[in-house]
Amino acid sequence: MDAIIGRYRLHMEDTGLILRHMSGINFDLTPAEALGLLNFLSAYRENLTSFSERETDHSLKRIAAEKAEQEDEQS
């Protein structure tokens, strides 16, 4: 069974769960590791839900990190 979640493709095999990022990085999780990840996500579900509910203020100006560092050095 396959699923796509955001930038990740998940594939369940007999040996465990394969989590593949669109950049090509693969995480081959054993069943125990997959269950550990599930337990971790379940424990922090409320926090994760609150993060996803926050909206970005699109009226804010985007500043690149390098530019911000240069401005800090100049002042």
C-alpha atoms as a PDB file:
ATOM      1  CA  MET A   1       0.000   0.000   0.000  1.00  0.00           C
ATOM      2  CA  ASP A   2       1.298   3.467  -0.905  1.00  0.00           C
ATOM      3  CA  ALA A   3       0.364   6.889   0.407  1.00  0.00           C
ATOM      4  CA  ILE A   4       1.611  10.388  -0.323  1.00  0.00           C
ATOM      5  CA  ILE A   5       1.825  12.846   2.556  1.00  0.00           C
ATOM      6  CA  GLY A   6       3.162  16.249   1.560  1.00  0.00           C
ATOM      7  CA  ARG A   7       6.665  15.729   0.171  1.00  0.00           C
ATOM      8  CA  TYR A   8       6.833  12.097   1.304  1.00  0.00           C
ATOM      9  CA  ARG A   9       5.779   8.825  -0.302  1.00  0.00           C
ATOM     10  CA  LEU A  10       5.130   5.995   2.120  1.00  0.00           C
ATOM     11  CA  HIS A  11       5.225   2.340   1.150  1.00  0.00           C
ATOM     12  CA  MET A  12       4.436  -0.576   3.447  1.00  0.00           C
ATOM     13  CA  GLU A  13       6.420  -3.737   2.821  1.00  0.00           C
ATOM     14  CA  ASP A  14       6.730  -7.059   4.644  1.00  0.00           C
ATOM     15  CA  THR A  15       9.934  -5.802   6.268  1.00  0.00           C
ATOM     16  CA  GLY A  16       8.546  -2.460   7.457  1.00  0.00           C
ATOM     17  CA  LEU A  17       7.755   1.051   6.272  1.00  0.00           C
ATOM     18  CA  ILE A  18       9.680   2.939   3.595  1.00  0.00           C
ATOM     19  CA  LEU A  19       9.441   6.711   3.825  1.00  0.00           C
ATOM     20  CA  ARG A  20      10.800   8.418   0.693  1.00  0.00           C
ATOM     21  CA  HIS A  21      11.362  12.173   0.418  1.00  0.00           C
ATOM     22  CA  MET A  22      10.951  13.755  -3.017  1.00  0.00           C
ATOM     23  CA  SER A  23      14.690  14.581  -3.029  1.00  0.00           C
ATOM     24  CA  GLY A  24      15.428  10.841  -3.066  1.00  0.00           C
ATOM     25  CA  ILE A  25      16.316  10.321   0.596  1.00  0.00           C
ATOM     26  CA  ASN A  26      14.831   7.057   1.896  1.00  0.00           C
ATOM     27  CA  PHE A  27      14.070   5.992   5.442  1.00  0.00           C
ATOM     28  CA  ASP A  28      13.625   2.236   5.786  1.00  0.00           C
ATOM     29  CA  LEU A  29      11.886   1.754   9.139  1.00  0.00           C
ATOM     30  CA  THR A  30      11.530  -1.617  10.827  1.00  0.00           C
ATOM     31  CA  PRO A  31       8.085  -2.416  12.237  1.00  0.00           C
ATOM     32  CA  ALA A  32       9.348  -1.509  15.735  1.00  0.00           C
ATOM     33  CA  GLU A  33      10.707   1.831  14.486  1.00  0.00           C
ATOM     34  CA  ALA A  34       7.468   2.587  12.624  1.00  0.00           C
ATOM     35  CA  LEU A  35       5.445   1.873  15.770  1.00  0.00           C
ATOM     36  CA  GLY A  36       7.830   4.055  17.782  1.00  0.00           C
ATOM     37  CA  LEU A  37       7.274   6.894  15.310  1.00  0.00           C
ATOM     38  CA  LEU A  38       3.513   6.363  15.558  1.00  0.00           C
ATOM     39  CA  ASN A  39       3.691   6.537  19.364  1.00  0.00           C
ATOM     40  CA  PHE A  40       5.776   9.720  19.187  1.00  0.00           C
ATOM     41  CA  LEU A  41       3.374  11.399  16.745  1.00  0.00           C
ATOM     42  CA  SER A  42       0.374  10.314  18.831  1.00  0.00           C
ATOM     43  CA  ALA A  43       1.920  11.797  21.975  1.00  0.00           C
ATOM     44  CA  TYR A  44       2.508  15.144  20.241  1.00  0.00           C
ATOM     45  CA  ARG A  45      -0.655  15.164  18.117  1.00  0.00           C
ATOM     46  CA  GLU A  46      -2.167  18.166  19.906  1.00  0.00           C
ATOM     47  CA  ASN A  47       1.026  20.230  19.480  1.00  0.00           C
ATOM     48  CA  LEU A  48       1.343  19.268  15.811  1.00  0.00           C
ATOM     49  CA  THR A  49      -2.295  20.168  15.187  1.00  0.00           C
ATOM     50  CA  SER A  50      -1.791  23.614  16.730  1.00  0.00           C
ATOM     51  CA  PHE A  51       1.217  24.197  14.433  1.00  0.00           C
ATOM     52  CA  SER A  52      -0.777  23.350  11.334  1.00  0.00           C
ATOM     53  CA  GLU A  53      -3.600  25.677  12.362  1.00  0.00           C
ATOM     54  CA  ARG A  54      -1.350  28.727  12.457  1.00  0.00           C
ATOM     55  CA  GLU A  55      -1.679  30.885   9.396  1.00  0.00           C
ATOM     56  CA  THR A  56       1.146  32.769   7.776  1.00  0.00           C
ATOM     57  CA  ASP A  57       0.738  36.519   7.536  1.00  0.00           C
ATOM     58  CA  HIS A  58       1.248  37.013   3.808  1.00  0.00           C
ATOM     59  CA  SER A  59       1.566  40.768   4.227  1.00  0.00           C
ATOM     60  CA  LEU A  60       4.946  40.349   5.943  1.00  0.00           C
ATOM     61  CA  LYS A  61       8.017  41.073   3.850  1.00  0.00           C
ATOM     62  CA  ARG A  62      10.254  38.074   3.169  1.00  0.00           C
ATOM     63  CA  ILE A  63      13.919  38.614   4.133  1.00  0.00           C
ATOM     64  CA  ALA A  64      16.667  36.168   3.145  1.00  0.00           C
ATOM     65  CA  ALA A  65      18.845  34.991   6.050  1.00  0.00           C
ATOM     66  CA  GLU A  66      22.058  36.201   4.402  1.00  0.00           C
ATOM     67  CA  LYS A  67      20.598  39.656   3.826  1.00  0.00           C
ATOM     68  CA  ALA A  68      19.446  39.910   7.445  1.00  0.00           C
ATOM     69  CA  GLU A  69      22.918  38.914   8.685  1.00  0.00           C
ATOM     70  CA  GLN A  70      24.567  41.531   6.454  1.00  0.00           C
ATOM     71  CA  GLU A  71      22.196  44.223   7.721  1.00  0.00           C
ATOM     72  CA  ASP A  72      22.962  43.233  11.334  1.00  0.00           C
ATOM     73  CA  GLU A  73      26.710  43.473  10.665  1.00  0.00           C
ATOM     74  CA  GLN A  74      26.350  46.934   9.103  1.00  0.00           C
ATOM     75  CA  SER A  75      24.412  48.389  12.035  1.00  0.00           C
END
